[in-house]
Amino acid sequence: MLRNILSQSWRRGAYAVQEGNHPGALHTCWSRFHSGKMLSSSRSFFGVEDFMDEDNSKPYTYKKEKRSKNPHKHISFKQRTIAYMEPFTLDVFISKRFVSASLTHRTTCRQVAVAGTNSKDVKAALKSRSDIPACLAVGRFLAERAKEADVYTCTYTPRERDKFEGKIRAVVQSLIDNGINVKVYLD
């Protein structure tokens, strides 16, 4: 593609030189190559369409990083290090039909242990999948699976709409009773 553009521009410039217009030859070659438009093909060499910005100096670039709303905001030492000091978090989800809980590693976002009343082994042993005994069973199974993965401490912060009582408290209390140290952060 570049070869075709340069050869066409060079020929036009060469014809202009033969006629005696030296500045026009350079202008023809320059304006043909840097017009900022796609000239001969719709795709570039790498298979991505090239679009030039207003000053024709570089292609558009998009930054994938998210910017803070307040760029001068101070981040405390605790905020920077909490993900490494307390790496595992507990997530509890309770609906009208089932209960599920998981332990997630903060920095890698991988689930270390998962338990829920929808799994086959738990479903067969329970009368109801969403009552307090089901929550206690989920906590017990989650504690066993966490110990298999060598996780003995975790943190739990309730969501905004959740209150730390009833079924959620039963899951956390069951984890504590079965040997997992849970730090609960209430706002």
N, C-alpha and C. Protein backbone atom coordinates (compact mmCIF):
# COMPACT_ATOMS: atom_id res chain seq x y z
N MET A 1 0.83 -1.18 0.00
CA MET A 1 0.00 0.00 0.00
C MET A 1 0.88 1.26 0.00
N LEU A 2 1.86 1.29 0.89
CA LEU A 2 2.76 2.43 0.98
C LEU A 2 3.56 2.57 -0.31
N ARG A 3 3.93 1.43 -0.86
CA ARG A 3 4.71 1.45 -2.10
C ARG A 3 3.90 2.07 -3.24
N ASN A 4 2.60 1.73 -3.32
CA ASN A 4 1.75 2.30 -4.37
C ASN A 4 1.59 3.80 -4.20
N ILE A 5 1.39 4.25 -2.97
CA ILE A 5 1.21 5.68 -2.72
C ILE A 5 2.46 6.45 -3.08
N LEU A 6 3.61 5.93 -2.63
CA LEU A 6 4.86 6.63 -2.92
C LEU A 6 5.18 6.64 -4.41
N SER A 7 4.92 5.54 -5.10
CA SER A 7 5.23 5.51 -6.53
C SER A 7 4.33 6.47 -7.30
N GLN A 8 3.03 6.53 -6.94
CA GLN A 8 2.12 7.47 -7.62
C GLN A 8 2.52 8.91 -7.33
N SER A 9 2.86 9.19 -6.07
CA SER A 9 3.25 10.55 -5.70
C SER A 9 4.56 10.94 -6.37
N TRP A 10 5.48 10.00 -6.44
CA TRP A 10 6.77 10.29 -7.03
C TRP A 10 6.64 10.56 -8.53
N ARG A 11 5.76 9.77 -9.18
CA ARG A 11 5.55 10.00 -10.62
C ARG A 11 4.97 11.39 -10.87
N ARG A 12 3.99 11.77 -10.05
CA ARG A 12 3.39 13.10 -10.22
C ARG A 12 4.42 14.18 -9.96
N GLY A 13 5.25 13.95 -8.92
CA GLY A 13 6.30 14.93 -8.63
C GLY A 13 7.34 14.98 -9.73
N ALA A 14 7.66 13.83 -10.31
CA ALA A 14 8.65 13.79 -11.39
C ALA A 14 8.14 14.53 -12.62
N TYR A 15 6.84 14.38 -12.93
CA TYR A 15 6.26 15.10 -14.07
C TYR A 15 6.28 16.60 -13.81
N ALA A 16 6.06 16.99 -12.54
CA ALA A 16 6.08 18.42 -12.22
C ALA A 16 7.50 18.98 -12.32
N VAL A 17 8.52 18.16 -11.99
CA VAL A 17 9.90 18.61 -12.09
C VAL A 17 10.29 18.81 -13.54
N GLN A 18 9.82 17.92 -14.43
CA GLN A 18 10.14 18.03 -15.85
C GLN A 18 9.55 19.31 -16.43
N GLU A 19 8.40 19.73 -15.87
CA GLU A 19 7.79 20.95 -16.37
C GLU A 19 8.46 22.20 -15.79
N GLY A 20 9.31 22.03 -14.78
CA GLY A 20 10.03 23.17 -14.23
C GLY A 20 9.45 23.69 -12.92
N ASN A 21 8.51 23.02 -12.30
CA ASN A 21 7.92 23.46 -11.02
C ASN A 21 8.55 22.68 -9.88
N HIS A 22 9.67 23.13 -9.36
CA HIS A 22 10.36 22.41 -8.30
C HIS A 22 9.59 22.42 -6.98
N PRO A 23 9.10 23.56 -6.45
CA PRO A 23 8.37 23.53 -5.18
C PRO A 23 7.08 22.73 -5.28
N GLY A 24 6.47 22.74 -6.46
CA GLY A 24 5.23 21.99 -6.64
C GLY A 24 5.45 20.49 -6.56
N ALA A 25 6.64 20.04 -6.95
CA ALA A 25 6.93 18.61 -6.92
C ALA A 25 6.96 18.11 -5.49
N LEU A 26 7.63 18.84 -4.61
CA LEU A 26 7.66 18.43 -3.21
C LEU A 26 6.28 18.52 -2.59
N HIS A 27 5.56 19.58 -2.93
CA HIS A 27 4.22 19.74 -2.38
C HIS A 27 3.29 18.61 -2.84
N THR A 28 3.42 18.20 -4.10
CA THR A 28 2.57 17.11 -4.61
C THR A 28 2.86 15.82 -3.87
N CYS A 29 4.13 15.51 -3.69
CA CYS A 29 4.49 14.28 -2.98
C CYS A 29 4.04 14.35 -1.53
N TRP A 30 4.27 15.49 -0.87
CA TRP A 30 3.93 15.64 0.55
C TRP A 30 2.41 15.62 0.76
N SER A 31 1.68 16.35 -0.04
CA SER A 31 0.24 16.44 0.16
C SER A 31 -0.45 15.12 -0.19
N ARG A 32 0.10 14.39 -1.12
CA ARG A 32 -0.49 13.10 -1.49
C ARG A 32 -0.33 12.08 -0.36
N PHE A 33 0.82 12.11 0.29
CA PHE A 33 1.10 11.12 1.33
C PHE A 33 0.48 11.49 2.67
N HIS A 34 0.46 12.76 3.04
CA HIS A 34 -0.01 13.19 4.35
C HIS A 34 -1.34 13.91 4.29
N SER A 35 -2.26 13.45 3.51
CA SER A 35 -3.55 14.12 3.45
C SER A 35 -4.46 13.71 4.59
N GLY A 36 -4.12 12.64 5.32
CA GLY A 36 -4.93 12.23 6.47
C GLY A 36 -6.10 11.36 6.08
N LYS A 37 -6.13 10.86 4.86
CA LYS A 37 -7.24 10.03 4.41
C LYS A 37 -6.70 8.66 4.00
N MET A 38 -7.60 7.70 3.97
CA MET A 38 -7.24 6.39 3.46
C MET A 38 -7.23 6.49 1.94
N LEU A 39 -6.14 6.09 1.30
CA LEU A 39 -6.01 6.32 -0.12
C LEU A 39 -6.34 5.10 -0.97
N SER A 40 -5.73 3.96 -0.70
CA SER A 40 -5.94 2.86 -1.63
C SER A 40 -6.61 1.65 -1.02
N SER A 41 -6.56 1.47 0.29
CA SER A 41 -7.17 0.29 0.85
C SER A 41 -7.86 0.66 2.15
N SER A 42 -8.85 -0.12 2.53
CA SER A 42 -9.61 0.19 3.73
C SER A 42 -8.95 -0.37 4.98
N ARG A 43 -7.96 -1.22 4.82
CA ARG A 43 -7.29 -1.81 5.98
C ARG A 43 -5.79 -1.56 5.88
N SER A 44 -5.16 -1.40 7.02
CA SER A 44 -3.72 -1.18 7.03
C SER A 44 -2.98 -2.51 7.04
N PHE A 45 -1.69 -2.43 7.21
CA PHE A 45 -0.86 -3.62 7.20
C PHE A 45 -1.21 -4.57 8.33
N PHE A 46 -1.55 -4.04 9.49
CA PHE A 46 -1.83 -4.87 10.65
C PHE A 46 -3.29 -5.30 10.74
N GLY A 47 -4.12 -4.92 9.80
CA GLY A 47 -5.52 -5.30 9.82
C GLY A 47 -6.39 -4.36 10.62
N VAL A 48 -5.87 -3.22 11.02
CA VAL A 48 -6.63 -2.23 11.77
C VAL A 48 -6.71 -0.97 10.94
N GLU A 49 -7.86 -0.35 10.91
CA GLU A 49 -8.02 0.86 10.11
C GLU A 49 -7.24 2.01 10.74
N ASP A 50 -6.53 2.75 9.91
CA ASP A 50 -5.75 3.89 10.39
C ASP A 50 -6.54 5.17 10.19
N PHE A 51 -6.69 5.91 11.26
CA PHE A 51 -7.31 7.23 11.19
C PHE A 51 -6.35 8.22 11.83
N MET A 52 -6.15 9.33 11.21
CA MET A 52 -5.20 10.31 11.72
C MET A 52 -5.98 11.43 12.39
N ASP A 53 -5.37 12.06 13.39
CA ASP A 53 -6.03 13.16 14.06
C ASP A 53 -5.84 14.46 13.27
N GLU A 54 -6.27 15.60 13.85
CA GLU A 54 -6.35 16.86 13.12
C GLU A 54 -4.98 17.33 12.60
N ASP A 55 -3.93 17.18 13.40
CA ASP A 55 -2.64 17.66 12.96
C ASP A 55 -1.84 16.61 12.20
N ASN A 56 -2.44 15.46 11.93
CA ASN A 56 -1.85 14.38 11.13
C ASN A 56 -0.51 13.90 11.65
N SER A 57 -0.31 13.96 12.96
CA SER A 57 0.98 13.56 13.49
C SER A 57 0.99 12.14 14.03
N LYS A 58 -0.12 11.66 14.55
CA LYS A 58 -0.13 10.32 15.12
C LYS A 58 -1.56 9.77 15.08
N PRO A 59 -1.73 8.44 15.08
CA PRO A 59 -3.07 7.87 15.12
C PRO A 59 -3.71 8.08 16.49
N TYR A 60 -5.02 7.94 16.53
CA TYR A 60 -5.73 8.08 17.80
C TYR A 60 -5.28 7.02 18.79
N THR A 61 -5.11 7.38 20.04
CA THR A 61 -4.79 6.43 21.09
C THR A 61 -5.81 6.58 22.20
N TYR A 62 -6.19 5.47 22.77
CA TYR A 62 -7.16 5.47 23.85
C TYR A 62 -6.50 4.92 25.09
N LYS A 63 -6.59 5.64 26.21
CA LYS A 63 -6.03 5.16 27.46
C LYS A 63 -7.06 4.29 28.15
N LYS A 64 -6.65 3.11 28.59
CA LYS A 64 -7.55 2.18 29.23
C LYS A 64 -7.66 2.39 30.74
N GLU A 65 -6.78 3.20 31.29
CA GLU A 65 -6.80 3.41 32.72
C GLU A 65 -7.93 4.35 33.11
N LYS A 66 -8.50 4.11 34.27
CA LYS A 66 -9.56 4.97 34.76
C LYS A 66 -8.95 6.10 35.57
N ARG A 67 -9.44 7.28 35.35
CA ARG A 67 -8.95 8.43 36.10
C ARG A 67 -9.86 8.70 37.27
N SER A 68 -9.28 9.11 38.34
CA SER A 68 -10.03 9.45 39.53
C SER A 68 -10.78 10.76 39.30
N LYS A 69 -11.94 10.89 39.94
CA LYS A 69 -12.68 12.14 39.82
C LYS A 69 -11.93 13.28 40.48
N ASN A 70 -11.17 12.96 41.51
CA ASN A 70 -10.36 13.95 42.20
C ASN A 70 -8.90 13.51 42.10
N PRO A 71 -8.14 14.06 41.16
CA PRO A 71 -6.76 13.58 40.97
C PRO A 71 -5.82 13.92 42.12
N HIS A 72 -6.19 14.88 42.96
CA HIS A 72 -5.33 15.28 44.07
C HIS A 72 -5.72 14.60 45.38
N LYS A 73 -6.60 13.61 45.32
CA LYS A 73 -7.07 12.93 46.52
C LYS A 73 -5.94 12.09 47.12
N HIS A 74 -5.79 12.19 48.42
CA HIS A 74 -4.76 11.45 49.12
C HIS A 74 -5.24 10.04 49.42
N ILE A 75 -4.42 9.04 49.11
CA ILE A 75 -4.75 7.65 49.41
C ILE A 75 -3.89 7.25 50.60
N SER A 76 -4.55 6.81 51.66
CA SER A 76 -3.83 6.49 52.89
C SER A 76 -3.03 5.20 52.76
N PHE A 77 -2.13 4.99 53.70
CA PHE A 77 -1.31 3.78 53.71
C PHE A 77 -2.18 2.54 53.88
N LYS A 78 -3.20 2.64 54.73
CA LYS A 78 -4.09 1.50 54.95
C LYS A 78 -4.84 1.14 53.68
N GLN A 79 -5.31 2.16 52.93
CA GLN A 79 -6.02 1.88 51.68
C GLN A 79 -5.11 1.22 50.65
N ARG A 80 -3.83 1.57 50.66
CA ARG A 80 -2.90 0.99 49.70
C ARG A 80 -2.48 -0.42 50.06
N THR A 81 -2.48 -0.75 51.36
CA THR A 81 -1.93 -2.04 51.79
C THR A 81 -2.96 -3.05 52.27
N ILE A 82 -4.22 -2.66 52.40
CA ILE A 82 -5.23 -3.57 52.97
C ILE A 82 -5.43 -4.80 52.08
N ALA A 83 -5.29 -4.66 50.78
CA ALA A 83 -5.48 -5.80 49.89
C ALA A 83 -4.40 -6.86 50.06
N TYR A 84 -3.23 -6.46 50.56
CA TYR A 84 -2.14 -7.40 50.76
C TYR A 84 -2.09 -7.92 52.19
N MET A 85 -2.55 -7.11 53.15
CA MET A 85 -2.53 -7.53 54.55
C MET A 85 -3.70 -8.48 54.86
N GLU A 86 -4.85 -8.22 54.27
CA GLU A 86 -6.03 -9.08 54.44
C GLU A 86 -6.51 -9.48 53.05
N PRO A 87 -5.90 -10.50 52.45
CA PRO A 87 -6.14 -10.76 51.03
C PRO A 87 -7.46 -11.45 50.69
N PHE A 88 -8.11 -12.11 51.63
CA PHE A 88 -9.30 -12.88 51.30
C PHE A 88 -10.57 -12.19 51.81
N THR A 89 -11.57 -12.13 50.96
CA THR A 89 -12.84 -11.51 51.33
C THR A 89 -13.96 -12.53 51.21
N LEU A 90 -14.94 -12.38 52.04
CA LEU A 90 -16.12 -13.24 52.04
C LEU A 90 -17.25 -12.51 51.34
N ASP A 91 -17.92 -13.20 50.44
CA ASP A 91 -19.07 -12.64 49.76
C ASP A 91 -20.25 -13.59 49.98
N VAL A 92 -21.34 -13.06 50.52
CA VAL A 92 -22.53 -13.87 50.82
C VAL A 92 -23.68 -13.32 50.00
N PHE A 93 -24.36 -14.22 49.28
CA PHE A 93 -25.52 -13.83 48.50
C PHE A 93 -26.71 -14.66 48.95
N ILE A 94 -27.78 -13.99 49.32
CA ILE A 94 -28.98 -14.67 49.79
C ILE A 94 -30.17 -14.18 48.96
N SER A 95 -30.86 -15.12 48.36
CA SER A 95 -32.09 -14.77 47.63
C SER A 95 -33.24 -15.54 48.26
N LYS A 96 -34.41 -15.44 47.66
CA LYS A 96 -35.57 -16.14 48.19
C LYS A 96 -35.48 -17.65 47.98
N ARG A 97 -34.68 -18.07 46.98
CA ARG A 97 -34.62 -19.49 46.64
C ARG A 97 -33.36 -20.21 47.10
N PHE A 98 -32.25 -19.50 47.24
CA PHE A 98 -31.01 -20.20 47.62
C PHE A 98 -30.05 -19.25 48.34
N VAL A 99 -28.99 -19.84 48.88
CA VAL A 99 -27.93 -19.13 49.59
C VAL A 99 -26.60 -19.56 48.99
N SER A 100 -25.71 -18.60 48.75
CA SER A 100 -24.37 -18.96 48.28
C SER A 100 -23.36 -18.04 48.94
N ALA A 101 -22.14 -18.55 49.12
CA ALA A 101 -21.06 -17.79 49.72
C ALA A 101 -19.75 -18.19 49.06
N SER A 102 -18.81 -17.25 49.00
CA SER A 102 -17.53 -17.54 48.38
C SER A 102 -16.42 -16.74 49.06
N LEU A 103 -15.22 -17.29 49.02
CA LEU A 103 -14.02 -16.61 49.48
C LEU A 103 -13.21 -16.23 48.25
N THR A 104 -12.88 -14.94 48.12
CA THR A 104 -12.20 -14.43 46.95
C THR A 104 -10.88 -13.77 47.35
N HIS A 105 -9.84 -14.01 46.57
CA HIS A 105 -8.56 -13.35 46.79
C HIS A 105 -8.64 -11.96 46.16
N ARG A 106 -8.31 -10.93 46.91
CA ARG A 106 -8.52 -9.55 46.45
C ARG A 106 -7.64 -9.17 45.28
N THR A 107 -6.38 -9.48 45.33
CA THR A 107 -5.47 -8.99 44.31
C THR A 107 -5.57 -9.76 43.00
N THR A 108 -5.84 -11.07 43.06
CA THR A 108 -5.95 -11.86 41.83
C THR A 108 -7.39 -12.06 41.38
N CYS A 109 -8.36 -11.75 42.25
CA CYS A 109 -9.79 -11.89 41.96
C CYS A 109 -10.18 -13.33 41.64
N ARG A 110 -9.51 -14.28 42.25
CA ARG A 110 -9.83 -15.69 42.05
C ARG A 110 -10.61 -16.19 43.24
N GLN A 111 -11.62 -17.02 42.97
CA GLN A 111 -12.40 -17.60 44.04
C GLN A 111 -11.67 -18.82 44.58
N VAL A 112 -11.41 -18.79 45.87
CA VAL A 112 -10.65 -19.86 46.50
C VAL A 112 -11.57 -20.97 46.94
N ALA A 113 -12.72 -20.60 47.50
CA ALA A 113 -13.69 -21.60 47.98
C ALA A 113 -15.10 -21.08 47.71
N VAL A 114 -15.97 -21.99 47.29
CA VAL A 114 -17.36 -21.63 46.98
C VAL A 114 -18.27 -22.68 47.57
N ALA A 115 -19.39 -22.23 48.14
CA ALA A 115 -20.40 -23.15 48.64
C ALA A 115 -21.76 -22.51 48.42
N GLY A 116 -22.73 -23.33 48.09
CA GLY A 116 -24.08 -22.83 47.87
C GLY A 116 -25.09 -23.94 48.00
N THR A 117 -26.35 -23.56 48.20
CA THR A 117 -27.39 -24.57 48.36
C THR A 117 -27.87 -25.11 47.03
N ASN A 118 -27.37 -24.61 45.91
CA ASN A 118 -27.73 -25.15 44.61
C ASN A 118 -26.85 -26.33 44.20
N SER A 119 -25.75 -26.57 44.91
CA SER A 119 -24.89 -27.69 44.56
C SER A 119 -25.56 -29.01 44.95
N LYS A 120 -25.22 -30.06 44.25
CA LYS A 120 -25.91 -31.35 44.41
C LYS A 120 -25.74 -31.95 45.80
N ASP A 121 -24.54 -31.86 46.35
CA ASP A 121 -24.30 -32.50 47.65
C ASP A 121 -25.05 -31.79 48.79
N VAL A 122 -25.19 -30.48 48.70
CA VAL A 122 -25.89 -29.74 49.75
C VAL A 122 -27.40 -29.81 49.54
N LYS A 123 -27.83 -29.79 48.29
CA LYS A 123 -29.25 -29.77 47.97
C LYS A 123 -29.97 -31.01 48.49
N ALA A 124 -29.32 -32.15 48.42
CA ALA A 124 -29.96 -33.41 48.83
C ALA A 124 -30.13 -33.50 50.34
N ALA A 125 -29.28 -32.84 51.11
CA ALA A 125 -29.31 -32.97 52.56
C ALA A 125 -30.24 -31.97 53.24
N LEU A 126 -30.78 -31.01 52.50
CA LEU A 126 -31.58 -29.94 53.12
C LEU A 126 -33.05 -30.05 52.76
N LYS A 127 -33.90 -29.64 53.70
CA LYS A 127 -35.34 -29.56 53.42
C LYS A 127 -35.64 -28.30 52.62
N SER A 128 -35.10 -27.18 53.07
CA SER A 128 -35.29 -25.91 52.39
C SER A 128 -33.93 -25.35 52.04
N ARG A 129 -33.84 -24.62 50.90
CA ARG A 129 -32.56 -24.10 50.45
C ARG A 129 -32.31 -22.65 50.87
N SER A 130 -33.24 -22.06 51.64
CA SER A 130 -33.04 -20.64 51.96
C SER A 130 -33.34 -20.30 53.41
N ASP A 131 -33.38 -21.28 54.30
CA ASP A 131 -33.66 -20.97 55.71
C ASP A 131 -32.36 -20.95 56.51
N ILE A 132 -32.47 -20.76 57.82
CA ILE A 132 -31.30 -20.64 58.69
C ILE A 132 -30.46 -21.92 58.71
N PRO A 133 -31.04 -23.13 58.80
CA PRO A 133 -30.19 -24.33 58.73
C PRO A 133 -29.42 -24.45 57.41
N ALA A 134 -30.00 -23.96 56.32
CA ALA A 134 -29.28 -23.96 55.04
C ALA A 134 -28.09 -23.01 55.10
N CYS A 135 -28.26 -21.86 55.74
CA CYS A 135 -27.15 -20.90 55.90
C CYS A 135 -26.03 -21.49 56.74
N LEU A 136 -26.40 -22.21 57.81
CA LEU A 136 -25.39 -22.86 58.64
C LEU A 136 -24.63 -23.93 57.86
N ALA A 137 -25.36 -24.68 57.02
CA ALA A 137 -24.71 -25.72 56.20
C ALA A 137 -23.76 -25.10 55.18
N VAL A 138 -24.16 -23.99 54.57
CA VAL A 138 -23.30 -23.31 53.60
C VAL A 138 -22.02 -22.83 54.28
N GLY A 139 -22.15 -22.28 55.49
CA GLY A 139 -20.96 -21.84 56.24
C GLY A 139 -20.04 -22.99 56.58
N ARG A 140 -20.62 -24.14 56.94
CA ARG A 140 -19.81 -25.31 57.29
C ARG A 140 -19.05 -25.83 56.06
N PHE A 141 -19.75 -25.95 54.91
CA PHE A 141 -19.09 -26.43 53.69
C PHE A 141 -18.03 -25.45 53.20
N LEU A 142 -18.31 -24.16 53.33
CA LEU A 142 -17.33 -23.16 52.90
C LEU A 142 -16.08 -23.20 53.78
N ALA A 143 -16.27 -23.43 55.08
CA ALA A 143 -15.12 -23.52 55.99
C ALA A 143 -14.26 -24.74 55.64
N GLU A 144 -14.89 -25.88 55.32
CA GLU A 144 -14.13 -27.08 54.95
C GLU A 144 -13.32 -26.84 53.67
N ARG A 145 -13.95 -26.22 52.68
CA ARG A 145 -13.26 -25.98 51.41
C ARG A 145 -12.17 -24.93 51.55
N ALA A 146 -12.38 -23.96 52.44
CA ALA A 146 -11.35 -22.94 52.67
C ALA A 146 -10.13 -23.55 53.36
N LYS A 147 -10.37 -24.47 54.30
CA LYS A 147 -9.24 -25.14 54.98
C LYS A 147 -8.45 -26.00 54.00
N GLU A 148 -9.13 -26.61 53.04
CA GLU A 148 -8.42 -27.39 52.02
C GLU A 148 -7.51 -26.50 51.18
N ALA A 149 -7.91 -25.23 51.00
CA ALA A 149 -7.12 -24.27 50.22
C ALA A 149 -6.15 -23.48 51.09
N ASP A 150 -6.00 -23.87 52.38
CA ASP A 150 -5.10 -23.21 53.33
C ASP A 150 -5.47 -21.74 53.57
N VAL A 151 -6.74 -21.47 53.69
CA VAL A 151 -7.21 -20.13 54.02
C VAL A 151 -7.88 -20.21 55.39
N TYR A 152 -7.35 -19.44 56.35
CA TYR A 152 -7.89 -19.49 57.70
C TYR A 152 -8.40 -18.14 58.20
N THR A 153 -8.19 -17.08 57.45
CA THR A 153 -8.70 -15.76 57.83
C THR A 153 -9.32 -15.09 56.61
N CYS A 154 -10.33 -14.28 56.85
CA CYS A 154 -10.95 -13.51 55.78
C CYS A 154 -11.64 -12.28 56.39
N THR A 155 -12.06 -11.39 55.53
CA THR A 155 -12.79 -10.21 55.98
C THR A 155 -14.16 -10.20 55.32
N TYR A 156 -15.10 -9.56 55.99
CA TYR A 156 -16.44 -9.44 55.43
C TYR A 156 -16.94 -8.02 55.65
N THR A 157 -17.35 -7.38 54.58
CA THR A 157 -17.98 -6.06 54.63
C THR A 157 -19.35 -6.20 53.97
N PRO A 158 -20.43 -5.99 54.72
CA PRO A 158 -21.76 -6.13 54.11
C PRO A 158 -21.99 -5.09 53.02
N ARG A 159 -22.80 -5.43 52.06
CA ARG A 159 -23.18 -4.47 51.03
C ARG A 159 -24.06 -3.39 51.65
N GLU A 160 -24.32 -2.35 50.89
CA GLU A 160 -25.09 -1.22 51.43
C GLU A 160 -26.50 -1.65 51.84
N ARG A 161 -27.11 -2.52 51.05
CA ARG A 161 -28.50 -2.88 51.33
C ARG A 161 -28.62 -4.00 52.36
N ASP A 162 -27.51 -4.68 52.68
CA ASP A 162 -27.55 -5.80 53.61
C ASP A 162 -27.34 -5.35 55.05
N LYS A 163 -28.07 -5.97 55.94
CA LYS A 163 -27.87 -5.75 57.37
C LYS A 163 -27.20 -7.00 57.93
N PHE A 164 -26.34 -6.81 58.90
CA PHE A 164 -25.61 -7.95 59.47
C PHE A 164 -26.47 -8.59 60.55
N GLU A 165 -27.46 -9.33 60.12
CA GLU A 165 -28.36 -10.02 61.04
C GLU A 165 -29.04 -11.15 60.27
N GLY A 166 -29.65 -12.05 61.00
CA GLY A 166 -30.41 -13.13 60.39
C GLY A 166 -29.55 -14.12 59.64
N LYS A 167 -29.85 -14.31 58.36
CA LYS A 167 -29.20 -15.34 57.55
C LYS A 167 -27.72 -15.03 57.28
N ILE A 168 -27.42 -13.76 57.06
CA ILE A 168 -26.02 -13.40 56.81
C ILE A 168 -25.19 -13.65 58.07
N ARG A 169 -25.73 -13.28 59.19
CA ARG A 169 -25.02 -13.52 60.45
C ARG A 169 -24.87 -15.01 60.71
N ALA A 170 -25.85 -15.83 60.30
CA ALA A 170 -25.75 -17.28 60.48
C ALA A 170 -24.61 -17.86 59.65
N VAL A 171 -24.42 -17.38 58.40
CA VAL A 171 -23.33 -17.87 57.56
C VAL A 171 -21.98 -17.50 58.18
N VAL A 172 -21.84 -16.26 58.62
CA VAL A 172 -20.57 -15.80 59.20
C VAL A 172 -20.29 -16.53 60.51
N GLN A 173 -21.31 -16.70 61.34
CA GLN A 173 -21.13 -17.40 62.62
C GLN A 173 -20.76 -18.86 62.40
N SER A 174 -21.34 -19.48 61.37
CA SER A 174 -20.99 -20.87 61.05
C SER A 174 -19.53 -20.98 60.61
N LEU A 175 -19.04 -19.98 59.83
CA LEU A 175 -17.63 -19.98 59.43
C LEU A 175 -16.73 -19.85 60.66
N ILE A 176 -17.10 -18.98 61.59
CA ILE A 176 -16.29 -18.78 62.80
C ILE A 176 -16.28 -20.04 63.66
N ASP A 177 -17.44 -20.69 63.79
CA ASP A 177 -17.54 -21.91 64.59
C ASP A 177 -16.73 -23.06 63.99
N ASN A 178 -16.54 -23.06 62.68
CA ASN A 178 -15.81 -24.14 62.02
C ASN A 178 -14.34 -23.81 61.78
N GLY A 179 -13.81 -22.77 62.43
CA GLY A 179 -12.37 -22.55 62.44
C GLY A 179 -11.84 -21.49 61.50
N ILE A 180 -12.68 -20.69 60.88
CA ILE A 180 -12.22 -19.61 60.01
C ILE A 180 -12.36 -18.29 60.78
N ASN A 181 -11.29 -17.53 60.85
CA ASN A 181 -11.31 -16.25 61.54
C ASN A 181 -11.87 -15.19 60.59
N VAL A 182 -13.01 -14.60 60.92
CA VAL A 182 -13.67 -13.62 60.06
C VAL A 182 -13.65 -12.26 60.74
N LYS A 183 -13.08 -11.26 60.08
CA LYS A 183 -13.15 -9.88 60.56
C LYS A 183 -14.30 -9.21 59.86
N VAL A 184 -15.25 -8.69 60.63
CA VAL A 184 -16.43 -8.04 60.06
C VAL A 184 -16.25 -6.54 60.19
N TYR A 185 -16.32 -5.83 59.06
CA TYR A 185 -16.22 -4.38 59.04
C TYR A 185 -17.60 -3.79 58.83
N LEU A 186 -18.15 -3.17 59.85
CA LEU A 186 -19.45 -2.52 59.76
C LEU A 186 -19.24 -1.03 59.70
N ASP A 187 -19.90 -0.37 58.80
CA ASP A 187 -19.75 1.09 58.66
C ASP A 187 -20.67 1.82 59.60
